[in-house]
Amino acid sequence: MSDDLDIDKYLATEATQLQKDQEVERILSAFKLNPFDILDLSPECTEKDIKNAYRRKSLLIHPDKTKHPRAQEAFSLLKKAETELSNEKSRQFLLTIVDEAKITLINEQKIKPDPLQIKQKIKEILIEQELRRRKSLKRELEAQGLAAQKAEQIEKERKRKAEEDKLWEETREQRVNNWRDFQTKKNSNSSSKKKKKLGGEFKPPKVLAEDPTKPYIKRPTNS
């Protein structure tokens, strides 16, 4: 415990600005998908190693302790790495990747790989997985977008139908009145046509005037 306090005191008072800047730059250049890289730890580290590394480095690069313009960014990456490795499920997933990298290299080279080769292979696997994750997320977002568009179209159609039904109800009385006026006018026109037709059938016969130049012929009568 005394040694830890001495280290904290040293980092808080004796570390130069150059050392702080170098640590900020190291964290910023580390592979962001591998929290072991950010904390500068090997996959075989313990939980205590993780906590100690985080405490030492956070004291060294804390934005209040250094003038580096990107100290806050580096500090956020450091905190994220510590959180991931402190989570049992997340850490076990990363250790599975480490084992996969080792087995792949052994199968390819037929010899035990060195730490740098393992680190590079871990990077390749993590990048491949991240690309798959992003593609999957993109497809999911596209599917959600299509579903959202379809839902929006359905909602628009529902609103349009509701507006049509509302307008239909609001104009019901006007339509009824228009129909009644139409029927009244139609019946009135029909009656007028019937009267005209009946008047034409009973015209009196025309009376022909007698021609005075023609002699009068008396019809014979039976006596």
C-alpha atoms as a PDB file:
ATOM      1  CA  MET A   1       0.000   0.000   0.000  1.00  0.00           C
ATOM      2  CA  SER A   2       2.889   2.311   0.811  1.00  0.00           C
ATOM      3  CA  ASP A   3       4.451   1.647  -2.608  1.00  0.00           C
ATOM      4  CA  ASP A   4       1.198   2.623  -4.349  1.00  0.00           C
ATOM      5  CA  LEU A   5       1.049   5.886  -2.410  1.00  0.00           C
ATOM      6  CA  ASP A   6       4.651   6.646  -3.342  1.00  0.00           C
ATOM      7  CA  ILE A   7       3.903   6.057  -7.029  1.00  0.00           C
ATOM      8  CA  ASP A   8       0.837   8.299  -6.905  1.00  0.00           C
ATOM      9  CA  LYS A   9       2.843  11.011  -5.189  1.00  0.00           C
ATOM     10  CA  TYR A  10       5.597  10.775  -7.769  1.00  0.00           C
ATOM     11  CA  LEU A  11       3.222  10.936 -10.711  1.00  0.00           C
ATOM     12  CA  ALA A  12       1.394  13.873  -9.179  1.00  0.00           C
ATOM     13  CA  THR A  13       4.484  15.930  -8.390  1.00  0.00           C
ATOM     14  CA  GLU A  14       7.523  14.724 -10.320  1.00  0.00           C
ATOM     15  CA  ALA A  15       6.353  13.624 -13.740  1.00  0.00           C
ATOM     16  CA  THR A  16       7.395  16.120 -16.367  1.00  0.00           C
ATOM     17  CA  GLN A  17       5.085  17.638 -18.920  1.00  0.00           C
ATOM     18  CA  LEU A  18       7.011  15.717 -21.597  1.00  0.00           C
ATOM     19  CA  GLN A  19       6.172  12.399 -19.921  1.00  0.00           C
ATOM     20  CA  LYS A  20       2.525  13.378 -19.675  1.00  0.00           C
ATOM     21  CA  ASP A  21       2.415  14.446 -23.311  1.00  0.00           C
ATOM     22  CA  GLN A  22       4.087  11.210 -24.382  1.00  0.00           C
ATOM     23  CA  GLU A  23       1.499   9.136 -22.525  1.00  0.00           C
ATOM     24  CA  VAL A  24      -1.360  11.137 -24.071  1.00  0.00           C
ATOM     25  CA  GLU A  25       0.100  10.553 -27.530  1.00  0.00           C
ATOM     26  CA  ARG A  26       0.620   6.843 -26.819  1.00  0.00           C
ATOM     27  CA  ILE A  27      -3.011   6.392 -25.811  1.00  0.00           C
ATOM     28  CA  LEU A  28      -4.268   8.347 -28.814  1.00  0.00           C
ATOM     29  CA  SER A  29      -2.199   6.221 -31.200  1.00  0.00           C
ATOM     30  CA  ALA A  30      -3.200   2.915 -29.560  1.00  0.00           C
ATOM     31  CA  PHE A  31      -5.590   0.580 -31.366  1.00  0.00           C
ATOM     32  CA  LYS A  32      -8.991   1.824 -30.185  1.00  0.00           C
ATOM     33  CA  LEU A  33     -10.738  -1.570 -30.442  1.00  0.00           C
ATOM     34  CA  ASN A  34      -8.259  -3.233 -28.075  1.00  0.00           C
ATOM     35  CA  PRO A  35      -8.472  -1.974 -24.468  1.00  0.00           C
ATOM     36  CA  PHE A  36      -5.344  -3.978 -23.586  1.00  0.00           C
ATOM     37  CA  ASP A  37      -3.417  -1.721 -25.976  1.00  0.00           C
ATOM     38  CA  ILE A  38      -4.855   1.460 -24.493  1.00  0.00           C
ATOM     39  CA  LEU A  39      -3.935   0.432 -20.937  1.00  0.00           C
ATOM     40  CA  ASP A  40      -0.626  -0.993 -22.203  1.00  0.00           C
ATOM     41  CA  LEU A  41      -1.302  -4.390 -20.621  1.00  0.00           C
ATOM     42  CA  SER A  42      -0.924  -7.959 -21.796  1.00  0.00           C
ATOM     43  CA  PRO A  43      -3.987 -10.210 -22.066  1.00  0.00           C
ATOM     44  CA  GLU A  44      -2.618 -12.260 -19.137  1.00  0.00           C
ATOM     45  CA  CYS A  45      -3.019  -9.310 -16.742  1.00  0.00           C
ATOM     46  CA  THR A  46      -5.091  -9.579 -13.566  1.00  0.00           C
ATOM     47  CA  GLU A  47      -7.931  -7.398 -12.327  1.00  0.00           C
ATOM     48  CA  LYS A  48      -5.500  -5.724  -9.933  1.00  0.00           C
ATOM     49  CA  ASP A  49      -3.156  -4.961 -12.838  1.00  0.00           C
ATOM     50  CA  ILE A  50      -6.045  -3.299 -14.667  1.00  0.00           C
ATOM     51  CA  LYS A  51      -7.022  -1.091 -11.721  1.00  0.00           C
ATOM     52  CA  ASN A  52      -3.429  -0.097 -10.970  1.00  0.00           C
ATOM     53  CA  ALA A  53      -2.657   0.719 -14.595  1.00  0.00           C
ATOM     54  CA  TYR A  54      -5.770   2.850 -14.876  1.00  0.00           C
ATOM     55  CA  ARG A  55      -5.033   4.749 -11.664  1.00  0.00           C
ATOM     56  CA  ARG A  56      -1.433   5.518 -12.589  1.00  0.00           C
ATOM     57  CA  LYS A  57      -2.229   6.601 -16.123  1.00  0.00           C
ATOM     58  CA  SER A  58      -5.321   8.614 -15.193  1.00  0.00           C
ATOM     59  CA  LEU A  59      -3.256  10.616 -12.677  1.00  0.00           C
ATOM     60  CA  LEU A  60      -0.624  11.157 -15.341  1.00  0.00           C
ATOM     61  CA  ILE A  61      -2.855  12.370 -18.173  1.00  0.00           C
ATOM     62  CA  HIS A  62      -5.822  13.873 -16.329  1.00  0.00           C
ATOM     63  CA  PRO A  63      -6.846  17.135 -18.054  1.00  0.00           C
ATOM     64  CA  ASP A  64      -6.272  18.973 -14.762  1.00  0.00           C
ATOM     65  CA  LYS A  65      -2.695  17.624 -14.609  1.00  0.00           C
ATOM     66  CA  THR A  66      -1.474  18.247 -18.135  1.00  0.00           C
ATOM     67  CA  LYS A  67      -1.632  21.026 -20.708  1.00  0.00           C
ATOM     68  CA  HIS A  68      -1.912  18.693 -23.704  1.00  0.00           C
ATOM     69  CA  PRO A  69      -4.816  19.918 -25.901  1.00  0.00           C
ATOM     70  CA  ARG A  70      -6.133  16.356 -26.389  1.00  0.00           C
ATOM     71  CA  ALA A  71      -5.766  15.215 -22.797  1.00  0.00           C
ATOM     72  CA  GLN A  72      -9.536  14.959 -22.347  1.00  0.00           C
ATOM     73  CA  GLU A  73      -9.835  12.700 -25.398  1.00  0.00           C
ATOM     74  CA  ALA A  74      -7.058  10.421 -24.148  1.00  0.00           C
ATOM     75  CA  PHE A  75      -8.573  10.339 -20.658  1.00  0.00           C
ATOM     76  CA  SER A  76     -11.956   9.285 -22.097  1.00  0.00           C
ATOM     77  CA  LEU A  77     -10.311   6.443 -24.051  1.00  0.00           C
ATOM     78  CA  LEU A  78      -8.474   5.319 -20.932  1.00  0.00           C
ATOM     79  CA  LYS A  79     -11.677   5.259 -18.879  1.00  0.00           C
ATOM     80  CA  LYS A  80     -13.523   3.331 -21.598  1.00  0.00           C
ATOM     81  CA  ALA A  81     -10.735   0.719 -21.762  1.00  0.00           C
ATOM     82  CA  GLU A  82     -10.788   0.265 -17.977  1.00  0.00           C
ATOM     83  CA  THR A  83     -14.581  -0.142 -18.021  1.00  0.00           C
ATOM     84  CA  GLU A  84     -14.449  -2.799 -20.763  1.00  0.00           C
ATOM     85  CA  LEU A  85     -11.738  -4.843 -19.044  1.00  0.00           C
ATOM     86  CA  SER A  86     -13.472  -4.572 -15.668  1.00  0.00           C
ATOM     87  CA  ASN A  87     -16.606  -6.081 -17.210  1.00  0.00           C
ATOM     88  CA  GLU A  88     -16.335  -9.869 -16.983  1.00  0.00           C
ATOM     89  CA  LYS A  89     -18.354 -10.580 -20.130  1.00  0.00           C
ATOM     90  CA  SER A  90     -16.475  -8.027 -22.215  1.00  0.00           C
ATOM     91  CA  ARG A  91     -13.110  -9.212 -20.970  1.00  0.00           C
ATOM     92  CA  GLN A  92     -13.915 -12.871 -21.682  1.00  0.00           C
ATOM     93  CA  PHE A  93     -14.907 -11.938 -25.226  1.00  0.00           C
ATOM     94  CA  LEU A  94     -11.548 -10.217 -25.743  1.00  0.00           C
ATOM     95  CA  LEU A  95      -9.682 -13.215 -24.305  1.00  0.00           C
ATOM     96  CA  THR A  96     -11.563 -15.423 -26.778  1.00  0.00           C
ATOM     97  CA  ILE A  97     -10.228 -13.211 -29.571  1.00  0.00           C
ATOM     98  CA  VAL A  98      -6.712 -13.571 -28.155  1.00  0.00           C
ATOM     99  CA  ASP A  99      -7.003 -17.370 -28.165  1.00  0.00           C
ATOM    100  CA  GLU A 100      -8.349 -17.317 -31.720  1.00  0.00           C
ATOM    101  CA  ALA A 101      -5.393 -15.194 -32.826  1.00  0.00           C
ATOM    102  CA  LYS A 102      -2.882 -17.580 -31.228  1.00  0.00           C
ATOM    103  CA  ILE A 103      -4.492 -20.712 -32.725  1.00  0.00           C
ATOM    104  CA  THR A 104      -4.701 -19.110 -36.190  1.00  0.00           C
ATOM    105  CA  LEU A 105      -1.020 -18.156 -36.142  1.00  0.00           C
ATOM    106  CA  ILE A 106       0.071 -21.584 -34.910  1.00  0.00           C
ATOM    107  CA  ASN A 107      -1.921 -23.267 -37.689  1.00  0.00           C
ATOM    108  CA  GLU A 108      -0.413 -20.921 -40.269  1.00  0.00           C
ATOM    109  CA  GLN A 109       3.202 -20.969 -39.088  1.00  0.00           C
ATOM    110  CA  LYS A 110       3.420 -24.328 -37.294  1.00  0.00           C
ATOM    111  CA  ILE A 111       5.473 -22.573 -34.613  1.00  0.00           C
ATOM    112  CA  LYS A 112       4.694 -20.616 -31.456  1.00  0.00           C
ATOM    113  CA  PRO A 113       4.049 -16.970 -32.445  1.00  0.00           C
ATOM    114  CA  ASP A 114       5.739 -14.037 -30.696  1.00  0.00           C
ATOM    115  CA  PRO A 115       3.746 -11.339 -28.800  1.00  0.00           C
ATOM    116  CA  LEU A 116       3.972  -8.817 -31.656  1.00  0.00           C
ATOM    117  CA  GLN A 117       2.509 -11.298 -34.129  1.00  0.00           C
ATOM    118  CA  ILE A 118      -0.281 -12.115 -31.694  1.00  0.00           C
ATOM    119  CA  LYS A 119      -0.998  -8.421 -31.192  1.00  0.00           C
ATOM    120  CA  GLN A 120      -1.203  -7.841 -34.953  1.00  0.00           C
ATOM    121  CA  LYS A 121      -3.476 -10.855 -35.488  1.00  0.00           C
ATOM    122  CA  ILE A 122      -5.758  -9.674 -32.665  1.00  0.00           C
ATOM    123  CA  LYS A 123      -5.968  -6.325 -34.437  1.00  0.00           C
ATOM    124  CA  GLU A 124      -6.914  -7.984 -37.733  1.00  0.00           C
ATOM    125  CA  ILE A 125      -9.636 -10.100 -36.099  1.00  0.00           C
ATOM    126  CA  LEU A 126     -11.092  -7.143 -34.210  1.00  0.00           C
ATOM    127  CA  ILE A 127     -11.145  -5.016 -37.374  1.00  0.00           C
ATOM    128  CA  GLU A 128     -12.896  -7.797 -39.284  1.00  0.00           C
ATOM    129  CA  GLN A 129     -15.487  -8.177 -36.546  1.00  0.00           C
ATOM    130  CA  GLU A 130     -16.031  -4.425 -36.352  1.00  0.00           C
ATOM    131  CA  LEU A 131     -16.611  -4.258 -40.104  1.00  0.00           C
ATOM    132  CA  ARG A 132     -19.180  -7.058 -39.869  1.00  0.00           C
ATOM    133  CA  ARG A 133     -20.839  -5.301 -36.953  1.00  0.00           C
ATOM    134  CA  ARG A 134     -21.070  -2.036 -38.899  1.00  0.00           C
ATOM    135  CA  LYS A 135     -22.455  -3.765 -41.994  1.00  0.00           C
ATOM    136  CA  SER A 136     -25.032  -5.542 -39.860  1.00  0.00           C
ATOM    137  CA  LEU A 137     -25.924  -2.272 -38.164  1.00  0.00           C
ATOM    138  CA  LYS A 138     -26.226  -0.563 -41.543  1.00  0.00           C
ATOM    139  CA  ARG A 139     -28.588  -3.271 -42.818  1.00  0.00           C
ATOM    140  CA  GLU A 140     -30.591  -3.044 -39.614  1.00  0.00           C
ATOM    141  CA  LEU A 141     -30.845   0.729 -39.883  1.00  0.00           C
ATOM    142  CA  GLU A 142     -31.866   0.452 -43.546  1.00  0.00           C
ATOM    143  CA  ALA A 143     -34.522  -2.103 -42.616  1.00  0.00           C
ATOM    144  CA  GLN A 144     -35.717   0.164 -39.819  1.00  0.00           C
ATOM    145  CA  GLY A 145     -35.773   3.058 -42.266  1.00  0.00           C
ATOM    146  CA  LEU A 146     -37.905   1.103 -44.746  1.00  0.00           C
ATOM    147  CA  ALA A 147     -40.197   0.000 -41.947  1.00  0.00           C
ATOM    148  CA  ALA A 148     -40.457   3.586 -40.740  1.00  0.00           C
ATOM    149  CA  GLN A 149     -41.274   4.790 -44.259  1.00  0.00           C
ATOM    150  CA  LYS A 150     -43.945   2.118 -44.624  1.00  0.00           C
ATOM    151  CA  ALA A 151     -45.412   3.013 -41.241  1.00  0.00           C
ATOM    152  CA  GLU A 152     -45.383   6.677 -42.231  1.00  0.00           C
ATOM    153  CA  GLN A 153     -47.191   5.909 -45.500  1.00  0.00           C
ATOM    154  CA  ILE A 154     -49.787   3.842 -43.641  1.00  0.00           C
ATOM    155  CA  GLU A 155     -50.310   6.666 -41.166  1.00  0.00           C
ATOM    156  CA  LYS A 156     -50.676   9.217 -43.969  1.00  0.00           C
ATOM    157  CA  GLU A 157     -53.215   6.977 -45.719  1.00  0.00           C
ATOM    158  CA  ARG A 158     -55.122   6.550 -42.462  1.00  0.00           C
ATOM    159  CA  LYS A 159     -55.233  10.322 -41.916  1.00  0.00           C
ATOM    160  CA  ARG A 160     -56.298  10.897 -45.537  1.00  0.00           C
ATOM    161  CA  LYS A 161     -59.112   8.360 -45.175  1.00  0.00           C
ATOM    162  CA  ALA A 162     -60.175   9.939 -41.886  1.00  0.00           C
ATOM    163  CA  GLU A 163     -60.287  13.380 -43.533  1.00  0.00           C
ATOM    164  CA  GLU A 164     -62.353  12.000 -46.427  1.00  0.00           C
ATOM    165  CA  ASP A 165     -64.800  10.344 -44.023  1.00  0.00           C
ATOM    166  CA  LYS A 166     -65.072  13.540 -42.019  1.00  0.00           C
ATOM    167  CA  LEU A 167     -65.717  15.621 -45.144  1.00  0.00           C
ATOM    168  CA  TRP A 168     -68.277  13.060 -46.334  1.00  0.00           C
ATOM    169  CA  GLU A 169     -70.171  13.335 -43.056  1.00  0.00           C
ATOM    170  CA  GLU A 170     -69.952  17.130 -43.008  1.00  0.00           C
ATOM    171  CA  THR A 171     -71.461  17.400 -46.521  1.00  0.00           C
ATOM    172  CA  ARG A 172     -74.164  14.744 -45.992  1.00  0.00           C
ATOM    173  CA  GLU A 173     -76.986  17.290 -45.416  1.00  0.00           C
ATOM    174  CA  GLN A 174     -75.937  19.325 -48.451  1.00  0.00           C
ATOM    175  CA  ARG A 175     -75.978  16.205 -50.651  1.00  0.00           C
ATOM    176  CA  VAL A 176     -79.425  15.234 -49.372  1.00  0.00           C
ATOM    177  CA  ASN A 177     -80.785  18.711 -50.091  1.00  0.00           C
ATOM    178  CA  ASN A 178     -79.240  18.710 -53.554  1.00  0.00           C
ATOM    179  CA  TRP A 179     -80.858  15.345 -54.280  1.00  0.00           C
ATOM    180  CA  ARG A 180     -84.227  16.561 -53.102  1.00  0.00           C
ATOM    181  CA  ASP A 181     -83.968  19.683 -55.269  1.00  0.00           C
ATOM    182  CA  PHE A 182     -83.026  17.523 -58.223  1.00  0.00           C
ATOM    183  CA  GLN A 183     -86.014  15.202 -57.700  1.00  0.00           C
ATOM    184  CA  THR A 184     -88.395  18.136 -57.282  1.00  0.00           C
ATOM    185  CA  LYS A 185     -87.168  19.763 -60.489  1.00  0.00           C
ATOM    186  CA  LYS A 186     -87.328  16.468 -62.329  1.00  0.00           C
ATOM    187  CA  ASN A 187     -90.930  15.830 -61.245  1.00  0.00           C
ATOM    188  CA  SER A 188     -91.922  19.400 -62.168  1.00  0.00           C
ATOM    189  CA  ASN A 189     -90.479  19.061 -65.670  1.00  0.00           C
ATOM    190  CA  SER A 190     -92.215  15.711 -66.135  1.00  0.00           C
ATOM    191  CA  SER A 191     -95.636  17.206 -65.234  1.00  0.00           C
ATOM    192  CA  SER A 192     -95.178  20.084 -67.665  1.00  0.00           C
ATOM    193  CA  LYS A 193     -94.368  17.710 -70.515  1.00  0.00           C
ATOM    194  CA  LYS A 194     -97.463  15.597 -69.812  1.00  0.00           C
ATOM    195  CA  LYS A 195     -99.751  18.623 -69.900  1.00  0.00           C
ATOM    196  CA  LYS A 196     -98.346  19.731 -73.255  1.00  0.00           C
ATOM    197  CA  LYS A 197     -98.786  16.253 -74.685  1.00  0.00           C
ATOM    198  CA  LEU A 198    -102.419  15.927 -73.527  1.00  0.00           C
ATOM    199  CA  GLY A 199    -103.372  19.364 -74.954  1.00  0.00           C
ATOM    200  CA  GLY A 200    -102.161  18.375 -78.403  1.00  0.00           C
ATOM    201  CA  GLU A 201    -104.330  15.220 -78.642  1.00  0.00           C
ATOM    202  CA  PHE A 202    -107.780  17.020 -78.430  1.00  0.00           C
ATOM    203  CA  LYS A 203    -107.443  19.811 -81.002  1.00  0.00           C
ATOM    204  CA  PRO A 204    -110.847  20.639 -82.573  1.00  0.00           C
ATOM    205  CA  PRO A 205    -111.219  19.901 -86.340  1.00  0.00           C
ATOM    206  CA  LYS A 206    -110.816  22.752 -88.780  1.00  0.00           C
ATOM    207  CA  VAL A 207    -113.996  24.162 -90.409  1.00  0.00           C
ATOM    208  CA  LEU A 208    -113.707  24.506 -94.210  1.00  0.00           C
ATOM    209  CA  ALA A 209    -115.450  27.506 -95.803  1.00  0.00           C
ATOM    210  CA  GLU A 210    -117.843  26.801 -98.701  1.00  0.00           C
ATOM    211  CA  ASP A 211    -116.810  27.821-102.189  1.00  0.00           C
ATOM    212  CA  PRO A 212    -119.548  30.204-103.585  1.00  0.00           C
ATOM    213  CA  THR A 213    -118.607  29.462-107.183  1.00  0.00           C
ATOM    214  CA  LYS A 214    -119.599  25.840-106.925  1.00  0.00           C
ATOM    215  CA  PRO A 215    -123.287  25.017-107.401  1.00  0.00           C
ATOM    216  CA  TYR A 216    -125.191  23.649-104.558  1.00  0.00           C
ATOM    217  CA  ILE A 217    -126.086  20.041-105.090  1.00  0.00           C
ATOM    218  CA  LYS A 218    -128.875  18.771-103.090  1.00  0.00           C
ATOM    219  CA  ARG A 219    -128.535  15.282-101.966  1.00  0.00           C
ATOM    220  CA  PRO A 220    -131.378  12.999-102.929  1.00  0.00           C
ATOM    221  CA  THR A 221    -133.655  12.004-100.223  1.00  0.00           C
ATOM    222  CA  ASN A 222    -135.678   8.917 -99.917  1.00  0.00           C
ATOM    223  CA  SER A 223    -139.417   9.718-100.072  1.00  0.00           C
END
